[in-house]
Amino acid sequence: GFMWHCFPAQKPLLNRLHFEHKFQSAVDTLL
């Protein structure tokens, strides 16, 4: 229903995506 945007938590993919600042530090912490 398009309530969520989904991204595999894989380093090559997440490193190529540009997230808003409010999400970027969370992505970096997960990595």
Full PDB file with SEQRES, HELIX, SHEET, SSBOND, CRYST1, ORIGX, SCALE, CONECT and MASTER records, all heavy atoms in Angstrom:
SEQRES   1 A   31  GLY PHE MET TRP HIS CYS PHE PRO ALA GLN LYS PRO LEU          
SEQRES   2 A   31  LEU ASN ARG LEU HIS PHE GLU HIS LYS PHE GLN SER ALA          
SEQRES   3 A   31  VAL ASP THR LEU LEU                                          
HELIX    1 AA1 LYS A   11  ARG A   16  1                                   6    
HELIX    2 AA2 HIS A   21  LEU A   30  1                                  10    
CRYST1    1.000    1.000    1.000  90.00  90.00  90.00 P 1           1          
ORIGX1      1.000000  0.000000  0.000000        0.00000                         
ORIGX2      0.000000  1.000000  0.000000        0.00000                         
ORIGX3      0.000000  0.000000  1.000000        0.00000                         
SCALE1      1.000000  0.000000  0.000000        0.00000                         
SCALE2      0.000000  1.000000  0.000000        0.00000                         
SCALE3      0.000000  0.000000  1.000000        0.00000                         
ATOM      1  N   GLY A   1       0.812  -1.216   0.000  1.00  0.00           N  
ATOM      2  CA  GLY A   1       0.000   0.000   0.000  1.00  0.00           C  
ATOM      3  C   GLY A   1       0.844   1.265   0.000  1.00  0.00           C  
ATOM      4  O   GLY A   1       0.326   2.349   0.248  1.00  0.00           O  
ATOM      5  N   PHE A   2       2.142   1.116  -0.233  1.00  0.00           N  
ATOM      6  CA  PHE A   2       3.090   2.241  -0.329  1.00  0.00           C  
ATOM      7  C   PHE A   2       3.193   3.058   0.960  1.00  0.00           C  
ATOM      8  O   PHE A   2       3.464   4.255   0.915  1.00  0.00           O  
ATOM      9  CB  PHE A   2       2.744   3.149  -1.524  1.00  0.00           C  
ATOM     10  CG  PHE A   2       2.720   2.420  -2.822  1.00  0.00           C  
ATOM     11  CD1 PHE A   2       1.506   2.108  -3.426  1.00  0.00           C  
ATOM     12  CD2 PHE A   2       3.897   1.989  -3.414  1.00  0.00           C  
ATOM     13  CE1 PHE A   2       1.476   1.400  -4.618  1.00  0.00           C  
ATOM     14  CE2 PHE A   2       3.869   1.280  -4.603  1.00  0.00           C  
ATOM     15  CZ  PHE A   2       2.651   0.992  -5.213  1.00  0.00           C  
ATOM     16  N   MET A   3       3.004   2.394   2.106  1.00  0.00           N  
ATOM     17  CA  MET A   3       3.160   3.090   3.384  1.00  0.00           C  
ATOM     18  C   MET A   3       4.622   3.156   3.805  1.00  0.00           C  
ATOM     19  O   MET A   3       4.982   3.979   4.631  1.00  0.00           O  
ATOM     20  CB  MET A   3       2.313   2.399   4.451  1.00  0.00           C  
ATOM     21  CG  MET A   3       0.828   2.486   4.123  1.00  0.00           C  
ATOM     22  SD  MET A   3      -0.186   1.639   5.328  1.00  0.00           S  
ATOM     23  CE  MET A   3      -0.001   2.759   6.690  1.00  0.00           C  
ATOM     24  N   TRP A   4       5.437   2.268   3.268  1.00  0.00           N  
ATOM     25  CA  TRP A   4       6.853   2.204   3.616  1.00  0.00           C  
ATOM     26  C   TRP A   4       7.704   2.180   2.350  1.00  0.00           C  
ATOM     27  O   TRP A   4       7.341   1.533   1.378  1.00  0.00           O  
ATOM     28  CB  TRP A   4       7.165   0.927   4.409  1.00  0.00           C  
ATOM     29  CG  TRP A   4       6.450   0.824   5.704  1.00  0.00           C  
ATOM     30  CD1 TRP A   4       5.324   0.094   5.961  1.00  0.00           C  
ATOM     31  CD2 TRP A   4       6.803   1.466   6.920  1.00  0.00           C  
ATOM     32  NE1 TRP A   4       4.961   0.247   7.277  1.00  0.00           N  
ATOM     33  CE2 TRP A   4       5.856   1.089   7.891  1.00  0.00           C  
ATOM     34  CE3 TRP A   4       7.828   2.318   7.307  1.00  0.00           C  
ATOM     35  CZ2 TRP A   4       5.896   1.529   9.204  1.00  0.00           C  
ATOM     36  CZ3 TRP A   4       7.877   2.766   8.620  1.00  0.00           C  
ATOM     37  CH2 TRP A   4       6.922   2.366   9.542  1.00  0.00           C  
ATOM     38  N   HIS A   5       8.844   2.847   2.406  1.00  0.00           N  
ATOM     39  CA  HIS A   5       9.880   2.707   1.394  1.00  0.00           C  
ATOM     40  C   HIS A   5      10.852   1.663   1.948  1.00  0.00           C  
ATOM     41  O   HIS A   5      11.286   1.783   3.098  1.00  0.00           O  
ATOM     42  CB  HIS A   5      10.610   4.033   1.159  1.00  0.00           C  
ATOM     43  CG  HIS A   5       9.699   5.138   0.738  1.00  0.00           C  
ATOM     44  ND1 HIS A   5       9.127   5.194  -0.512  1.00  0.00           N  
ATOM     45  CD2 HIS A   5       9.256   6.228   1.402  1.00  0.00           C  
ATOM     46  CE1 HIS A   5       8.382   6.268  -0.597  1.00  0.00           C  
ATOM     47  NE2 HIS A   5       8.432   6.922   0.551  1.00  0.00           N  
ATOM     48  N   CYS A   6      11.185   0.658   1.158  1.00  0.00           N  
ATOM     49  CA  CYS A   6      12.014  -0.460   1.629  1.00  0.00           C  
ATOM     50  C   CYS A   6      13.364  -0.471   0.928  1.00  0.00           C  
ATOM     51  O   CYS A   6      13.434  -0.287  -0.288  1.00  0.00           O  
ATOM     52  CB  CYS A   6      11.325  -1.789   1.348  1.00  0.00           C  
ATOM     53  SG  CYS A   6       9.706  -1.927   2.060  1.00  0.00           S  
ATOM     54  N   PHE A   7      14.417  -0.720   1.721  1.00  0.00           N  
ATOM     55  CA  PHE A   7      15.770  -0.798   1.194  1.00  0.00           C  
ATOM     56  C   PHE A   7      16.482  -1.969   1.852  1.00  0.00           C  
ATOM     57  O   PHE A   7      16.522  -2.042   3.086  1.00  0.00           O  
ATOM     58  CB  PHE A   7      16.562   0.479   1.520  1.00  0.00           C  
ATOM     59  CG  PHE A   7      15.882   1.743   1.086  1.00  0.00           C  
ATOM     60  CD1 PHE A   7      15.069   2.443   1.963  1.00  0.00           C  
ATOM     61  CD2 PHE A   7      16.048   2.218  -0.205  1.00  0.00           C  
ATOM     62  CE1 PHE A   7      14.434   3.613   1.570  1.00  0.00           C  
ATOM     63  CE2 PHE A   7      15.418   3.389  -0.605  1.00  0.00           C  
ATOM     64  CZ  PHE A   7      14.609   4.090   0.286  1.00  0.00           C  
ATOM     65  N   PRO A   8      17.047  -2.903   1.081  1.00  0.00           N  
ATOM     66  CA  PRO A   8      17.858  -3.954   1.702  1.00  0.00           C  
ATOM     67  C   PRO A   8      19.001  -3.311   2.492  1.00  0.00           C  
ATOM     68  O   PRO A   8      19.619  -2.354   2.020  1.00  0.00           O  
ATOM     69  CB  PRO A   8      18.389  -4.755   0.511  1.00  0.00           C  
ATOM     70  CG  PRO A   8      17.425  -4.468  -0.591  1.00  0.00           C  
ATOM     71  CD  PRO A   8      16.974  -3.052  -0.371  1.00  0.00           C  
ATOM     72  N   ALA A   9      19.257  -3.806   3.672  1.00  0.00           N  
ATOM     73  CA  ALA A   9      20.302  -3.226   4.540  1.00  0.00           C  
ATOM     74  C   ALA A   9      21.668  -3.760   4.127  1.00  0.00           C  
ATOM     75  O   ALA A   9      22.359  -4.426   4.887  1.00  0.00           O  
ATOM     76  CB  ALA A   9      20.009  -3.524   6.006  1.00  0.00           C  
ATOM     77  N   GLN A  10      22.042  -3.471   2.912  1.00  0.00           N  
ATOM     78  CA  GLN A  10      23.325  -3.907   2.360  1.00  0.00           C  
ATOM     79  C   GLN A  10      24.208  -2.690   2.130  1.00  0.00           C  
ATOM     80  O   GLN A  10      23.761  -1.689   1.570  1.00  0.00           O  
ATOM     81  CB  GLN A  10      23.110  -4.658   1.049  1.00  0.00           C  
ATOM     82  CG  GLN A  10      22.204  -5.871   1.177  1.00  0.00           C  
ATOM     83  CD  GLN A  10      22.732  -6.882   2.169  1.00  0.00           C  
ATOM     84  OE1 GLN A  10      23.920  -7.187   2.176  1.00  0.00           O  
ATOM     85  NE2 GLN A  10      21.871  -7.395   3.024  1.00  0.00           N  
ATOM     86  N   LYS A  11      25.454  -2.785   2.547  1.00  0.00           N  
ATOM     87  CA  LYS A  11      26.379  -1.659   2.475  1.00  0.00           C  
ATOM     88  C   LYS A  11      26.499  -1.048   1.079  1.00  0.00           C  
ATOM     89  O   LYS A  11      26.394   0.176   0.950  1.00  0.00           O  
ATOM     90  CB  LYS A  11      27.746  -2.090   3.013  1.00  0.00           C  
ATOM     91  CG  LYS A  11      28.723  -0.943   3.103  1.00  0.00           C  
ATOM     92  CD  LYS A  11      29.868  -1.166   4.030  1.00  0.00           C  
ATOM     93  CE  LYS A  11      30.985  -1.965   3.757  1.00  0.00           C  
ATOM     94  NZ  LYS A  11      32.101  -1.979   4.637  1.00  0.00           N  
ATOM     95  N   PRO A  12      26.696  -1.829   0.017  1.00  0.00           N  
ATOM     96  CA  PRO A  12      26.843  -1.195  -1.302  1.00  0.00           C  
ATOM     97  C   PRO A  12      25.622  -0.353  -1.711  1.00  0.00           C  
ATOM     98  O   PRO A  12      25.766   0.735  -2.245  1.00  0.00           O  
ATOM     99  CB  PRO A  12      27.033  -2.375  -2.258  1.00  0.00           C  
ATOM    100  CG  PRO A  12      27.514  -3.489  -1.394  1.00  0.00           C  
ATOM    101  CD  PRO A  12      26.880  -3.278  -0.054  1.00  0.00           C  
ATOM    102  N   LEU A  13      24.430  -0.853  -1.410  1.00  0.00           N  
ATOM    103  CA  LEU A  13      23.220  -0.117  -1.769  1.00  0.00           C  
ATOM    104  C   LEU A  13      23.048   1.124  -0.894  1.00  0.00           C  
ATOM    105  O   LEU A  13      22.838   2.229  -1.395  1.00  0.00           O  
ATOM    106  CB  LEU A  13      21.987  -1.008  -1.645  1.00  0.00           C  
ATOM    107  CG  LEU A  13      20.647  -0.285  -1.822  1.00  0.00           C  
ATOM    108  CD1 LEU A  13      20.520   0.216  -3.264  1.00  0.00           C  
ATOM    109  CD2 LEU A  13      19.494  -1.172  -1.448  1.00  0.00           C  
ATOM    110  N   LEU A  14      23.133   0.955   0.405  1.00  0.00           N  
ATOM    111  CA  LEU A  14      22.905   2.085   1.311  1.00  0.00           C  
ATOM    112  C   LEU A  14      23.950   3.181   1.131  1.00  0.00           C  
ATOM    113  O   LEU A  14      23.657   4.357   1.336  1.00  0.00           O  
ATOM    114  CB  LEU A  14      22.852   1.606   2.770  1.00  0.00           C  
ATOM    115  CG  LEU A  14      21.671   0.698   3.114  1.00  0.00           C  
ATOM    116  CD1 LEU A  14      21.760   0.246   4.565  1.00  0.00           C  
ATOM    117  CD2 LEU A  14      20.342   1.370   2.838  1.00  0.00           C  
ATOM    118  N   ASN A  15      25.163   2.808   0.740  1.00  0.00           N  
ATOM    119  CA  ASN A  15      26.199   3.823   0.496  1.00  0.00           C  
ATOM    120  C   ASN A  15      25.915   4.645  -0.759  1.00  0.00           C  
ATOM    121  O   ASN A  15      26.352   5.788  -0.860  1.00  0.00           O  
ATOM    122  CB  ASN A  15      27.578   3.177   0.359  1.00  0.00           C  
ATOM    123  CG  ASN A  15      28.188   2.879   1.698  1.00  0.00           C  
ATOM    124  OD1 ASN A  15      27.860   3.500   2.708  1.00  0.00           O  
ATOM    125  ND2 ASN A  15      29.089   1.914   1.731  1.00  0.00           N  
ATOM    126  N   ARG A  16      25.199   4.078  -1.708  1.00  0.00           N  
ATOM    127  CA  ARG A  16      24.905   4.802  -2.958  1.00  0.00           C  
ATOM    128  C   ARG A  16      23.689   5.713  -2.837  1.00  0.00           C  
ATOM    129  O   ARG A  16      23.509   6.611  -3.645  1.00  0.00           O  
ATOM    130  CB  ARG A  16      24.685   3.814  -4.104  1.00  0.00           C  
ATOM    131  CG  ARG A  16      25.974   3.189  -4.596  1.00  0.00           C  
ATOM    132  CD  ARG A  16      25.796   2.499  -5.935  1.00  0.00           C  
ATOM    133  NE  ARG A  16      24.650   1.619  -6.021  1.00  0.00           N  
ATOM    134  CZ  ARG A  16      24.671   0.310  -5.821  1.00  0.00           C  
ATOM    135  NH1 ARG A  16      25.794  -0.291  -5.505  1.00  0.00           N  
ATOM    136  NH2 ARG A  16      23.588  -0.417  -5.950  1.00  0.00           N  
ATOM    137  N   LEU A  17      22.830   5.448  -1.868  1.00  0.00           N  
ATOM    138  CA  LEU A  17      21.614   6.246  -1.718  1.00  0.00           C  
ATOM    139  C   LEU A  17      21.899   7.503  -0.916  1.00  0.00           C  
ATOM    140  O   LEU A  17      22.744   7.518  -0.031  1.00  0.00           O  
ATOM    141  CB  LEU A  17      20.532   5.422  -1.024  1.00  0.00           C  
ATOM    142  CG  LEU A  17      20.066   4.183  -1.777  1.00  0.00           C  
ATOM    143  CD1 LEU A  17      19.124   3.372  -0.911  1.00  0.00           C  
ATOM    144  CD2 LEU A  17      19.392   4.571  -3.081  1.00  0.00           C  
ATOM    145  N   HIS A  18      21.177   8.547  -1.230  1.00  0.00           N  
ATOM    146  CA  HIS A  18      21.314   9.806  -0.491  1.00  0.00           C  
ATOM    147  C   HIS A  18      20.075   9.992   0.365  1.00  0.00           C  
ATOM    148  O   HIS A  18      18.981  10.205  -0.147  1.00  0.00           O  
ATOM    149  CB  HIS A  18      21.485  10.971  -1.466  1.00  0.00           C  
ATOM    150  CG  HIS A  18      22.710  10.849  -2.300  1.00  0.00           C  
ATOM    151  ND1 HIS A  18      23.968  11.112  -1.809  1.00  0.00           N  
ATOM    152  CD2 HIS A  18      22.882  10.437  -3.580  1.00  0.00           C  
ATOM    153  CE1 HIS A  18      24.859  10.893  -2.758  1.00  0.00           C  
ATOM    154  NE2 HIS A  18      24.234  10.473  -3.838  1.00  0.00           N  
ATOM    155  N   PHE A  19      20.271   9.868   1.670  1.00  0.00           N  
ATOM    156  CA  PHE A  19      19.162   9.993   2.609  1.00  0.00           C  
ATOM    157  C   PHE A  19      19.146  11.398   3.200  1.00  0.00           C  
ATOM    158  O   PHE A  19      20.190  12.039   3.319  1.00  0.00           O  
ATOM    159  CB  PHE A  19      19.315   8.979   3.759  1.00  0.00           C  
ATOM    160  CG  PHE A  19      19.167   7.560   3.319  1.00  0.00           C  
ATOM    161  CD1 PHE A  19      20.282   6.773   3.050  1.00  0.00           C  
ATOM    162  CD2 PHE A  19      17.914   6.995   3.171  1.00  0.00           C  
ATOM    163  CE1 PHE A  19      20.149   5.459   2.657  1.00  0.00           C  
ATOM    164  CE2 PHE A  19      17.771   5.680   2.771  1.00  0.00           C  
ATOM    165  CZ  PHE A  19      18.893   4.907   2.522  1.00  0.00           C  
ATOM    166  N   GLU A  20      17.962  11.835   3.602  1.00  0.00           N  
ATOM    167  CA  GLU A  20      17.865  13.090   4.333  1.00  0.00           C  
ATOM    168  C   GLU A  20      18.676  12.961   5.614  1.00  0.00           C  
ATOM    169  O   GLU A  20      18.849  11.863   6.152  1.00  0.00           O  
ATOM    170  CB  GLU A  20      16.406  13.383   4.701  1.00  0.00           C  
ATOM    171  CG  GLU A  20      15.506  13.683   3.541  1.00  0.00           C  
ATOM    172  CD  GLU A  20      14.086  13.936   4.004  1.00  0.00           C  
ATOM    173  OE1 GLU A  20      13.893  14.689   4.985  1.00  0.00           O  
ATOM    174  OE2 GLU A  20      13.173  13.372   3.380  1.00  0.00           O  
ATOM    175  N   HIS A  21      19.150  14.088   6.134  1.00  0.00           N  
ATOM    176  CA  HIS A  21      19.996  14.082   7.327  1.00  0.00           C  
ATOM    177  C   HIS A  21      19.357  13.308   8.486  1.00  0.00           C  
ATOM    178  O   HIS A  21      20.042  12.569   9.191  1.00  0.00           O  
ATOM    179  CB  HIS A  21      20.319  15.512   7.763  1.00  0.00           C  
ATOM    180  CG  HIS A  21      21.166  15.566   8.990  1.00  0.00           C  
ATOM    181  ND1 HIS A  21      22.495  15.202   8.983  1.00  0.00           N  
ATOM    182  CD2 HIS A  21      20.863  15.901  10.271  1.00  0.00           C  
ATOM    183  CE1 HIS A  21      22.986  15.321  10.200  1.00  0.00           C  
ATOM    184  NE2 HIS A  21      22.017  15.749  10.999  1.00  0.00           N  
ATOM    185  N   LYS A  22      18.047  13.461   8.676  1.00  0.00           N  
ATOM    186  CA  LYS A  22      17.383  12.792   9.804  1.00  0.00           C  
ATOM    187  C   LYS A  22      17.446  11.271   9.705  1.00  0.00           C  
ATOM    188  O   LYS A  22      17.247  10.576  10.689  1.00  0.00           O  
ATOM    189  CB  LYS A  22      15.945  13.262   9.939  1.00  0.00           C  
ATOM    190  CG  LYS A  22      15.069  12.937   8.756  1.00  0.00           C  
ATOM    191  CD  LYS A  22      13.710  13.556   8.906  1.00  0.00           C  
ATOM    192  CE  LYS A  22      12.956  13.518   7.590  1.00  0.00           C  
ATOM    193  NZ  LYS A  22      11.792  14.366   7.632  1.00  0.00           N  
ATOM    194  N   PHE A  23      17.738  10.739   8.516  1.00  0.00           N  
ATOM    195  CA  PHE A  23      17.870   9.299   8.327  1.00  0.00           C  
ATOM    196  C   PHE A  23      19.322   8.863   8.173  1.00  0.00           C  
ATOM    197  O   PHE A  23      19.663   7.731   8.490  1.00  0.00           O  
ATOM    198  CB  PHE A  23      17.081   8.838   7.095  1.00  0.00           C  
ATOM    199  CG  PHE A  23      15.614   9.144   7.149  1.00  0.00           C  
ATOM    200  CD1 PHE A  23      15.010   9.857   6.139  1.00  0.00           C  
ATOM    201  CD2 PHE A  23      14.835   8.718   8.220  1.00  0.00           C  
ATOM    202  CE1 PHE A  23      13.646  10.143   6.185  1.00  0.00           C  
ATOM    203  CE2 PHE A  23      13.484   8.995   8.275  1.00  0.00           C  
ATOM    204  CZ  PHE A  23      12.883   9.718   7.256  1.00  0.00           C  
ATOM    205  N   GLN A  24      20.185   9.731   7.686  1.00  0.00           N  
ATOM    206  CA  GLN A  24      21.552   9.336   7.345  1.00  0.00           C  
ATOM    207  C   GLN A  24      22.332   8.833   8.548  1.00  0.00           C  
ATOM    208  O   GLN A  24      23.030   7.825   8.454  1.00  0.00           O  
ATOM    209  CB  GLN A  24      22.310  10.489   6.676  1.00  0.00           C  
ATOM    210  CG  GLN A  24      23.660  10.050   6.116  1.00  0.00           C  
ATOM    211  CD  GLN A  24      23.545   8.990   5.037  1.00  0.00           C  
ATOM    212  OE1 GLN A  24      22.862   9.190   4.044  1.00  0.00           O  
ATOM    213  NE2 GLN A  24      24.207   7.858   5.228  1.00  0.00           N  
ATOM    214  N   SER A  25      22.246   9.502   9.706  1.00  0.00           N  
ATOM    215  CA  SER A  25      23.018   9.027  10.857  1.00  0.00           C  
ATOM    216  C   SER A  25      22.506   7.666  11.333  1.00  0.00           C  
ATOM    217  O   SER A  25      23.287   6.841  11.801  1.00  0.00           O  
ATOM    218  CB  SER A  25      23.039  10.047  11.993  1.00  0.00           C  
ATOM    219  OG  SER A  25      21.770  10.211  12.548  1.00  0.00           O  
ATOM    220  N   ALA A  26      21.202   7.403  11.178  1.00  0.00           N  
ATOM    221  CA  ALA A  26      20.663   6.085  11.544  1.00  0.00           C  
ATOM    222  C   ALA A  26      21.200   5.011  10.601  1.00  0.00           C  
ATOM    223  O   ALA A  26      21.553   3.911  11.036  1.00  0.00           O  
ATOM    224  CB  ALA A  26      19.140   6.108  11.512  1.00  0.00           C  
ATOM    225  N   VAL A  27      21.282   5.319   9.313  1.00  0.00           N  
ATOM    226  CA  VAL A  27      21.844   4.377   8.340  1.00  0.00           C  
ATOM    227  C   VAL A  27      23.314   4.117   8.665  1.00  0.00           C  
ATOM    228  O   VAL A  27      23.770   2.970   8.678  1.00  0.00           O  
ATOM    229  CB  VAL A  27      21.675   4.912   6.894  1.00  0.00           C  
ATOM    230  CG1 VAL A  27      22.505   4.094   5.909  1.00  0.00           C  
ATOM    231  CG2 VAL A  27      20.213   4.899   6.488  1.00  0.00           C  
ATOM    232  N   ASP A  28      24.070   5.169   8.964  1.00  0.00           N  
ATOM    233  CA  ASP A  28      25.487   5.010   9.300  1.00  0.00           C  
ATOM    234  C   ASP A  28      25.670   4.170  10.563  1.00  0.00           C  
ATOM    235  O   ASP A  28      26.565   3.328  10.628  1.00  0.00           O  
ATOM    236  CB  ASP A  28      26.145   6.380   9.484  1.00  0.00           C  
ATOM    237  CG  ASP A  28      26.203   7.181   8.184  1.00  0.00           C  
ATOM    238  OD1 ASP A  28      26.152   6.568   7.097  1.00  0.00           O  
ATOM    239  OD2 ASP A  28      26.285   8.415   8.272  1.00  0.00           O  
ATOM    240  N   THR A  29      24.812   4.385  11.548  1.00  0.00           N  
ATOM    241  CA  THR A  29      24.882   3.600  12.786  1.00  0.00           C  
ATOM    242  C   THR A  29      24.583   2.135  12.509  1.00  0.00           C  
ATOM    243  O   THR A  29      25.260   1.248  13.033  1.00  0.00           O  
ATOM    244  CB  THR A  29      23.896   4.165  13.829  1.00  0.00           C  
ATOM    245  OG1 THR A  29      24.191   5.540  14.053  1.00  0.00           O  
ATOM    246  CG2 THR A  29      23.990   3.421  15.142  1.00  0.00           C  
ATOM    247  N   LEU A  30      23.578   1.868  11.691  1.00  0.00           N  
ATOM    248  CA  LEU A  30      23.252   0.484  11.321  1.00  0.00           C  
ATOM    249  C   LEU A  30      24.423  -0.171  10.604  1.00  0.00           C  
ATOM    250  O   LEU A  30      24.785  -1.316  10.898  1.00  0.00           O  
ATOM    251  CB  LEU A  30      22.004   0.449  10.437  1.00  0.00           C  
ATOM    252  CG  LEU A  30      21.630  -0.916   9.858  1.00  0.00           C  
ATOM    253  CD1 LEU A  30      21.324  -1.921  10.967  1.00  0.00           C  
ATOM    254  CD2 LEU A  30      20.454  -0.780   8.902  1.00  0.00           C  
ATOM    255  N   LEU A  31      25.047   0.543   9.675  1.00  0.00           N  
ATOM    256  CA  LEU A  31      26.192  -0.023   8.959  1.00  0.00           C  
ATOM    257  C   LEU A  31      27.351  -0.315   9.912  1.00  0.00           C  
ATOM    258  O   LEU A  31      28.054  -1.314   9.745  1.00  0.00           O  
ATOM    259  CB  LEU A  31      26.636   0.916   7.833  1.00  0.00           C  
ATOM    260  CG  LEU A  31      25.674   1.021   6.653  1.00  0.00           C  
ATOM    261  CD1 LEU A  31      26.133   2.088   5.672  1.00  0.00           C  
ATOM    262  CD2 LEU A  31      25.496  -0.315   5.959  1.00  0.00           C  
TER     263      LEU A  31                                                      
MASTER        0    0    0    2    0    0    0    6  262    1    0    3          
END                                                                             
